[in-house]
C-alpha atoms as a PDB file:
ATOM      1  CA  MET A   1      26.805  28.041 -27.840  1.00  0.00           C
ATOM      2  CA  ALA A   2      30.249  27.776 -26.537  1.00  0.00           C
ATOM      3  CA  LEU A   3      31.358  25.230 -24.265  1.00  0.00           C
ATOM      4  CA  HIS A   4      31.485  27.881 -21.117  1.00  0.00           C
ATOM      5  CA  THR A   5      27.937  29.148 -21.912  1.00  0.00           C
ATOM      6  CA  PHE A   6      26.789  25.368 -21.670  1.00  0.00           C
ATOM      7  CA  CYS A   7      28.363  24.965 -18.388  1.00  0.00           C
ATOM      8  CA  ALA A   8      26.763  28.091 -16.915  1.00  0.00           C
ATOM      9  CA  LEU A   9      23.591  27.334 -18.197  1.00  0.00           C
ATOM     10  CA  HIS A  10      23.841  24.011 -16.543  1.00  0.00           C
ATOM     11  CA  PHE A  11      24.778  25.520 -13.277  1.00  0.00           C
ATOM     12  CA  ASP A  12      22.000  27.665 -13.380  1.00  0.00           C
ATOM     13  CA  PHE A  13      19.535  24.525 -14.042  1.00  0.00           C
ATOM     14  CA  CYS A  14      21.147  22.649 -11.041  1.00  0.00           C
ATOM     15  CA  LEU A  15      20.673  25.697  -8.683  1.00  0.00           C
ATOM     16  CA  SER A  16      17.171  25.943 -10.040  1.00  0.00           C
ATOM     17  CA  SER A  17      16.319  22.228  -9.486  1.00  0.00           C
ATOM     18  CA  LEU A  18      17.471  22.739  -5.750  1.00  0.00           C
ATOM     19  CA  LEU A  19      15.192  25.563  -5.284  1.00  0.00           C
ATOM     20  CA  ASN A  20      12.355  23.987  -6.853  1.00  0.00           C
ATOM     21  CA  PRO A  21      11.766  20.329  -5.521  1.00  0.00           C
ATOM     22  CA  SER A  22       8.959  19.856  -7.475  1.00  0.00           C
ATOM     23  CA  MET A  23      10.569  19.226 -10.752  1.00  0.00           C
ATOM     24  CA  PRO A  24      10.253  15.878 -11.959  1.00  0.00           C
ATOM     25  CA  SER A  25      12.013  13.132 -10.602  1.00  0.00           C
ATOM     26  CA  PHE A  26      12.424   9.549 -11.407  1.00  0.00           C
ATOM     27  CA  LYS A  27      13.054   6.159  -9.599  1.00  0.00           C
ATOM     28  CA  SER A  28      15.853   3.910 -10.419  1.00  0.00           C
ATOM     29  CA  SER A  29      15.538   0.301 -10.691  1.00  0.00           C
ATOM     30  CA  PRO A  30      17.677  -2.140  -8.582  1.00  0.00           C
ATOM     31  CA  SER A  31      19.536  -3.227 -11.945  1.00  0.00           C
ATOM     32  CA  SER A  32      20.607   0.793 -12.700  1.00  0.00           C
ATOM     33  CA  SER A  33      21.966   1.164  -9.302  1.00  0.00           C
ATOM     34  CA  SER A  34      24.505  -1.631  -9.729  1.00  0.00           C
ATOM     35  CA  SER A  35      26.082  -0.439 -12.702  1.00  0.00           C
ATOM     36  CA  VAL A  36      27.294   2.835 -11.329  1.00  0.00           C
ATOM     37  CA  GLY A  37      30.969   3.139 -12.117  1.00  0.00           C
ATOM     38  CA  ARG A  38      31.178  -0.045 -14.421  1.00  0.00           C
ATOM     39  CA  TRP A  39      30.773   1.798 -17.686  1.00  0.00           C
ATOM     40  CA  THR A  40      30.864  -0.661 -20.817  1.00  0.00           C
ATOM     41  CA  HIS A  41      30.162   2.419 -23.165  1.00  0.00           C
ATOM     42  CA  GLU A  42      31.224   6.200 -22.656  1.00  0.00           C
ATOM     43  CA  VAL A  43      28.136   7.466 -24.631  1.00  0.00           C
ATOM     44  CA  PHE A  44      24.603   6.269 -25.527  1.00  0.00           C
ATOM     45  CA  LEU A  45      22.863   7.633 -28.704  1.00  0.00           C
ATOM     46  CA  SER A  46      19.251   8.238 -28.398  1.00  0.00           C
ATOM     47  CA  PHE A  47      17.819   9.368 -31.580  1.00  0.00           C
ATOM     48  CA  ARG A  48      14.831   8.689 -34.360  1.00  0.00           C
ATOM     49  CA  GLY A  49      16.349   7.047 -37.063  1.00  0.00           C
ATOM     50  CA  GLU A  50      14.407   8.340 -39.980  1.00  0.00           C
ATOM     51  CA  ASP A  51      15.193  11.782 -38.853  1.00  0.00           C
ATOM     52  CA  THR A  52      18.861  11.578 -38.128  1.00  0.00           C
ATOM     53  CA  ARG A  53      20.577   8.316 -38.298  1.00  0.00           C
ATOM     54  CA  ASN A  54      22.387   9.218 -41.709  1.00  0.00           C
ATOM     55  CA  SER A  55      22.758  12.701 -40.824  1.00  0.00           C
ATOM     56  CA  PHE A  56      23.472  14.644 -37.617  1.00  0.00           C
ATOM     57  CA  VAL A  57      24.054  11.327 -35.734  1.00  0.00           C
ATOM     58  CA  ASP A  58      26.161   9.740 -38.266  1.00  0.00           C
ATOM     59  CA  HIS A  59      28.411  12.926 -38.215  1.00  0.00           C
ATOM     60  CA  LEU A  60      28.548  12.851 -34.260  1.00  0.00           C
ATOM     61  CA  TYR A  61      29.143   9.166 -34.171  1.00  0.00           C
ATOM     62  CA  ALA A  62      32.176   9.611 -36.453  1.00  0.00           C
ATOM     63  CA  ALA A  63      33.434  12.699 -34.492  1.00  0.00           C
ATOM     64  CA  LEU A  64      33.280  10.505 -31.093  1.00  0.00           C
ATOM     65  CA  ASP A  65      35.044   7.470 -32.646  1.00  0.00           C
ATOM     66  CA  GLN A  66      37.744   9.798 -34.230  1.00  0.00           C
ATOM     67  CA  ARG A  67      38.504  11.083 -30.576  1.00  0.00           C
ATOM     68  CA  GLY A  68      38.443   7.397 -29.423  1.00  0.00           C
ATOM     69  CA  ILE A  69      35.130   7.613 -27.675  1.00  0.00           C
ATOM     70  CA  HIS A  70      33.268   4.301 -27.304  1.00  0.00           C
ATOM     71  CA  ALA A  71      29.513   5.201 -28.477  1.00  0.00           C
ATOM     72  CA  PHE A  72      26.516   2.751 -28.184  1.00  0.00           C
ATOM     73  CA  LYS A  73      24.193   3.415 -31.658  1.00  0.00           C
ATOM     74  CA  ASP A  74      21.457   1.068 -32.094  1.00  0.00           C
ATOM     75  CA  ASP A  75      21.623   0.357 -36.224  1.00  0.00           C
ATOM     76  CA  LYS A  76      18.724  -1.955 -36.135  1.00  0.00           C
ATOM     77  CA  ALA A  77      15.381  -1.251 -37.987  1.00  0.00           C
ATOM     78  CA  LEU A  78      13.022  -1.510 -35.345  1.00  0.00           C
ATOM     79  CA  ASP A  79       9.573  -2.968 -35.469  1.00  0.00           C
ATOM     80  CA  LYS A  80       6.755  -0.551 -34.495  1.00  0.00           C
ATOM     81  CA  GLY A  81       5.181  -1.564 -31.368  1.00  0.00           C
ATOM     82  CA  LYS A  82       8.073  -4.241 -30.202  1.00  0.00           C
ATOM     83  CA  PRO A  83       9.328  -3.816 -26.591  1.00  0.00           C
ATOM     84  CA  ILE A  84      12.523  -2.271 -25.976  1.00  0.00           C
ATOM     85  CA  SER A  85      15.044  -4.973 -25.792  1.00  0.00           C
ATOM     86  CA  VAL A  86      16.927  -5.948 -22.766  1.00  0.00           C
ATOM     87  CA  GLU A  87      20.051  -5.545 -24.241  1.00  0.00           C
ATOM     88  CA  LEU A  88      19.282  -1.789 -25.032  1.00  0.00           C
ATOM     89  CA  LEU A  89      18.473  -1.261 -21.529  1.00  0.00           C
ATOM     90  CA  LYS A  90      21.652  -2.702 -20.598  1.00  0.00           C
ATOM     91  CA  ALA A  91      23.744  -0.375 -22.869  1.00  0.00           C
ATOM     92  CA  ILE A  92      21.709   2.579 -21.386  1.00  0.00           C
ATOM     93  CA  GLU A  93      22.735   1.556 -17.724  1.00  0.00           C
ATOM     94  CA  GLU A  94      26.279   0.784 -18.735  1.00  0.00           C
ATOM     95  CA  SER A  95      27.014   4.034 -20.368  1.00  0.00           C
ATOM     96  CA  LYS A  96      28.513   7.346 -18.567  1.00  0.00           C
ATOM     97  CA  PHE A  97      27.029   9.933 -21.029  1.00  0.00           C
ATOM     98  CA  ALA A  98      23.690   9.504 -22.837  1.00  0.00           C
ATOM     99  CA  VAL A  99      23.246  11.912 -25.761  1.00  0.00           C
ATOM    100  CA  VAL A 100      19.496  12.659 -26.797  1.00  0.00           C
ATOM    101  CA  VAL A 101      18.494  13.889 -30.109  1.00  0.00           C
ATOM    102  CA  PHE A 102      14.924  15.264 -29.933  1.00  0.00           C
ATOM    103  CA  SER A 103      13.716  15.727 -33.657  1.00  0.00           C
ATOM    104  CA  LYS A 104      10.472  16.416 -35.539  1.00  0.00           C
ATOM    105  CA  ASN A 105       9.477  12.359 -35.236  1.00  0.00           C
ATOM    106  CA  TYR A 106      11.326  11.319 -31.863  1.00  0.00           C
ATOM    107  CA  ALA A 107       7.765  11.197 -30.112  1.00  0.00           C
ATOM    108  CA  ASP A 108       6.165   9.162 -32.696  1.00  0.00           C
ATOM    109  CA  SER A 109       8.386   6.376 -31.360  1.00  0.00           C
ATOM    110  CA  SER A 110       7.446   4.563 -28.387  1.00  0.00           C
ATOM    111  CA  TRP A 111      10.764   2.935 -28.366  1.00  0.00           C
ATOM    112  CA  CYS A 112      12.463   6.040 -28.001  1.00  0.00           C
ATOM    113  CA  LEU A 113      10.014   7.080 -25.402  1.00  0.00           C
ATOM    114  CA  ASP A 114      10.880   4.025 -23.445  1.00  0.00           C
ATOM    115  CA  GLU A 115      14.472   4.592 -23.824  1.00  0.00           C
ATOM    116  CA  LEU A 116      14.174   8.041 -22.717  1.00  0.00           C
ATOM    117  CA  VAL A 117      12.557   7.187 -19.455  1.00  0.00           C
ATOM    118  CA  LYS A 118      15.421   4.749 -18.870  1.00  0.00           C
ATOM    119  CA  ILE A 119      18.063   7.390 -19.399  1.00  0.00           C
ATOM    120  CA  MET A 120      16.364   9.899 -17.072  1.00  0.00           C
ATOM    121  CA  GLU A 121      16.376   7.064 -14.396  1.00  0.00           C
ATOM    122  CA  CYS A 122      19.991   6.806 -15.274  1.00  0.00           C
ATOM    123  CA  HIS A 123      20.478  10.368 -14.840  1.00  0.00           C
ATOM    124  CA  GLN A 124      19.438  10.044 -11.089  1.00  0.00           C
ATOM    125  CA  ILE A 125      21.938   8.079 -10.071  1.00  0.00           C
ATOM    126  CA  GLY A 126      24.871   9.638 -12.091  1.00  0.00           C
ATOM    127  CA  GLN A 127      24.438   9.495 -15.961  1.00  0.00           C
ATOM    128  CA  MET A 128      25.126  12.618 -17.752  1.00  0.00           C
ATOM    129  CA  VAL A 129      22.389  13.292 -20.209  1.00  0.00           C
ATOM    130  CA  LEU A 130      23.172  15.598 -22.556  1.00  0.00           C
ATOM    131  CA  PRO A 131      19.884  17.003 -24.859  1.00  0.00           C
ATOM    132  CA  VAL A 132      20.414  18.030 -28.468  1.00  0.00           C
ATOM    133  CA  PHE A 133      17.197  19.821 -30.060  1.00  0.00           C
ATOM    134  CA  TYR A 134      17.325  19.252 -33.629  1.00  0.00           C
ATOM    135  CA  HIS A 135      15.266  21.347 -35.720  1.00  0.00           C
ATOM    136  CA  VAL A 136      12.522  21.650 -33.020  1.00  0.00           C
ATOM    137  CA  ASP A 137      12.332  24.086 -30.353  1.00  0.00           C
ATOM    138  CA  PRO A 138      12.801  23.064 -26.556  1.00  0.00           C
ATOM    139  CA  SER A 139       9.777  24.463 -25.614  1.00  0.00           C
ATOM    140  CA  ASP A 140       7.857  22.400 -27.960  1.00  0.00           C
ATOM    141  CA  VAL A 141       9.577  19.520 -26.266  1.00  0.00           C
ATOM    142  CA  ARG A 142       9.250  20.103 -22.705  1.00  0.00           C
ATOM    143  CA  GLY A 143       5.420  21.247 -23.067  1.00  0.00           C
ATOM    144  CA  GLN A 144       4.611  18.800 -25.737  1.00  0.00           C
ATOM    145  CA  LYS A 145       3.652  21.160 -28.215  1.00  0.00           C
ATOM    146  CA  ARG A 146       3.405  20.899 -32.307  1.00  0.00           C
ATOM    147  CA  ASP A 147       4.649  17.771 -33.584  1.00  0.00           C
ATOM    148  CA  PHE A 148       5.243  16.637 -30.012  1.00  0.00           C
ATOM    149  CA  ASN A 149       1.494  17.078 -29.250  1.00  0.00           C
ATOM    150  CA  THR A 150       0.254  15.379 -32.334  1.00  0.00           C
ATOM    151  CA  ALA A 151       2.590  12.489 -31.708  1.00  0.00           C
ATOM    152  CA  PHE A 152       1.132  12.161 -28.208  1.00  0.00           C
ATOM    153  CA  GLN A 153      -2.230  12.355 -29.329  1.00  0.00           C
ATOM    154  CA  GLN A 154      -1.344   9.309 -31.607  1.00  0.00           C
ATOM    155  CA  GLN A 155       0.333   7.730 -28.652  1.00  0.00           C
ATOM    156  CA  GLU A 156      -2.530   8.161 -26.386  1.00  0.00           C
ATOM    157  CA  ASP A 157      -4.844   6.458 -28.888  1.00  0.00           C
ATOM    158  CA  LYS A 158      -2.755   3.650 -29.191  1.00  0.00           C
ATOM    159  CA  PHE A 159      -1.651   3.098 -25.506  1.00  0.00           C
ATOM    160  CA  GLY A 160      -4.866   4.445 -24.019  1.00  0.00           C
ATOM    161  CA  ARG A 161      -5.076   1.716 -21.544  1.00  0.00           C
ATOM    162  CA  GLU A 162      -1.354   2.044 -20.585  1.00  0.00           C
ATOM    163  CA  THR A 163      -1.835   5.629 -18.788  1.00  0.00           C
ATOM    164  CA  ASP A 164       1.337   5.077 -16.341  1.00  0.00           C
ATOM    165  CA  ARG A 165       3.338   4.505 -19.332  1.00  0.00           C
ATOM    166  CA  VAL A 166       2.504   7.497 -21.473  1.00  0.00           C
ATOM    167  CA  ASN A 167       2.629   9.524 -18.297  1.00  0.00           C
ATOM    168  CA  LYS A 168       6.392   8.689 -17.702  1.00  0.00           C
ATOM    169  CA  TRP A 169       6.933   9.605 -21.283  1.00  0.00           C
ATOM    170  CA  ARG A 170       5.359  12.732 -20.440  1.00  0.00           C
ATOM    171  CA  LYS A 171       7.405  13.027 -17.358  1.00  0.00           C
ATOM    172  CA  ALA A 172      10.704  12.366 -19.222  1.00  0.00           C
ATOM    173  CA  LEU A 173      10.331  14.778 -21.673  1.00  0.00           C
ATOM    174  CA  VAL A 174       9.734  17.435 -19.156  1.00  0.00           C
ATOM    175  CA  ALA A 175      12.928  16.718 -17.289  1.00  0.00           C
ATOM    176  CA  ALA A 176      15.237  15.968 -20.227  1.00  0.00           C
ATOM    177  CA  ALA A 177      14.137  19.141 -22.098  1.00  0.00           C
ATOM    178  CA  GLY A 178      14.842  21.058 -18.819  1.00  0.00           C
ATOM    179  CA  LEU A 179      18.303  20.398 -19.054  1.00  0.00           C
ATOM    180  CA  SER A 180      21.074  22.584 -20.773  1.00  0.00           C
ATOM    181  CA  GLY A 181      22.144  21.237 -24.319  1.00  0.00           C
ATOM    182  CA  TRP A 182      22.151  22.570 -27.566  1.00  0.00           C
ATOM    183  CA  HIS A 183      19.440  23.704 -29.970  1.00  0.00           C
ATOM    184  CA  ILE A 184      20.364  23.156 -33.773  1.00  0.00           C
ATOM    185  CA  LYS A 185      18.181  25.377 -35.869  1.00  0.00           C
ATOM    186  CA  GLU A 186      17.154  24.943 -39.704  1.00  0.00           C
ATOM    187  CA  THR A 187      18.350  28.358 -40.300  1.00  0.00           C
ATOM    188  CA  GLY A 188      20.606  28.605 -37.680  1.00  0.00           C
ATOM    189  CA  TYR A 189      24.090  30.679 -37.753  1.00  0.00           C
ATOM    190  CA  VAL A 190      26.247  28.156 -36.208  1.00  0.00           C
ATOM    191  CA  GLY A 191      26.939  24.942 -38.266  1.00  0.00           C
ATOM    192  CA  GLU A 192      26.397  21.466 -37.079  1.00  0.00           C
ATOM    193  CA  SER A 193      30.007  20.597 -37.349  1.00  0.00           C
ATOM    194  CA  ALA A 194      30.709  23.462 -34.866  1.00  0.00           C
ATOM    195  CA  ILE A 195      28.294  21.898 -32.404  1.00  0.00           C
ATOM    196  CA  ILE A 196      28.981  18.216 -32.796  1.00  0.00           C
ATOM    197  CA  LEU A 197      32.675  19.586 -31.696  1.00  0.00           C
ATOM    198  CA  GLU A 198      31.437  21.177 -28.700  1.00  0.00           C
ATOM    199  CA  ILE A 199      29.395  17.916 -27.463  1.00  0.00           C
ATOM    200  CA  VAL A 200      32.575  15.754 -28.164  1.00  0.00           C
ATOM    201  CA  GLU A 201      34.709  18.143 -25.965  1.00  0.00           C
ATOM    202  CA  LYS A 202      32.049  18.190 -23.448  1.00  0.00           C
ATOM    203  CA  ILE A 203      32.116  14.489 -23.276  1.00  0.00           C
ATOM    204  CA  LEU A 204      35.818  14.095 -23.553  1.00  0.00           C
ATOM    205  CA  ASN A 205      36.157  16.383 -20.707  1.00  0.00           C
ATOM    206  CA  GLY A 206      33.727  14.140 -18.558  1.00  0.00           C
ATOM    207  CA  ILE A 207      35.885  11.115 -19.165  1.00  0.00           C
ATOM    208  CA  ARG A 208      39.244  11.864 -19.946  1.00  0.00           C
ATOM    209  CA  PRO A 209      39.809  15.621 -18.388  1.00  0.00           C
ATOM    210  CA  CYS A 210      43.555  15.493 -18.555  1.00  0.00           C
ATOM    211  CA  ASP A 211      43.506  15.112 -22.286  1.00  0.00           C
ATOM    212  CA  VAL A 212      41.775  18.087 -22.610  1.00  0.00           C
ATOM    213  CA  GLU A 213      43.848  19.833 -20.425  1.00  0.00           C
ATOM    214  CA  LYS A 214      46.752  18.880 -22.694  1.00  0.00           C
ATOM    215  CA  ASN A 215      45.099  20.598 -25.396  1.00  0.00           C
ATOM    216  CA  LEU A 216      44.582  23.948 -23.736  1.00  0.00           C
ATOM    217  CA  ILE A 217      46.685  26.853 -25.013  1.00  0.00           C
ATOM    218  CA  GLY A 218      48.440  29.036 -22.233  1.00  0.00           C
END
């Protein structure tokens, strides 16, 4: 999808949000609001390690680094059921952009889902969120169908007593999947490298617009 198409889709979504006030919204925590304008990281990458750490995310991180964009990528092996760390929450708050890579096993991880809730809270106070649907259909993420339905059945069995937490996960998925982003199909005609370049240019335009203008022809 070309960059101008992305922008047009984003405009359409913003317009529909204004016309539809019932769309999911999130309340930001006091600590989140205090971080506006104080970006420690330019990009936070949210992803399911077993799906994309050594493939798409690795390539995206390298492309960002090559253009001098500072991205936060958590490379630690996370213990199942362990609560999300304060340091990770802080990294989300202090990032101007968040790239969320939805993949087949993303919703299997309570850690990823907690990250997403925090990201969508920060989105309400200015953070730019860019979703990437990696070998999953956006409608499956938004409607929690197929793999995402199976994952939530397991999450509800595990966290049945924490109904509020599970509801926040569902709400965050609906909101994030409703944003304009990129759909990478397993048998798509557009290569991953081309999409990565579009993502990098989108972020670069948001943090250093003058650098992008210098590269324009005409």
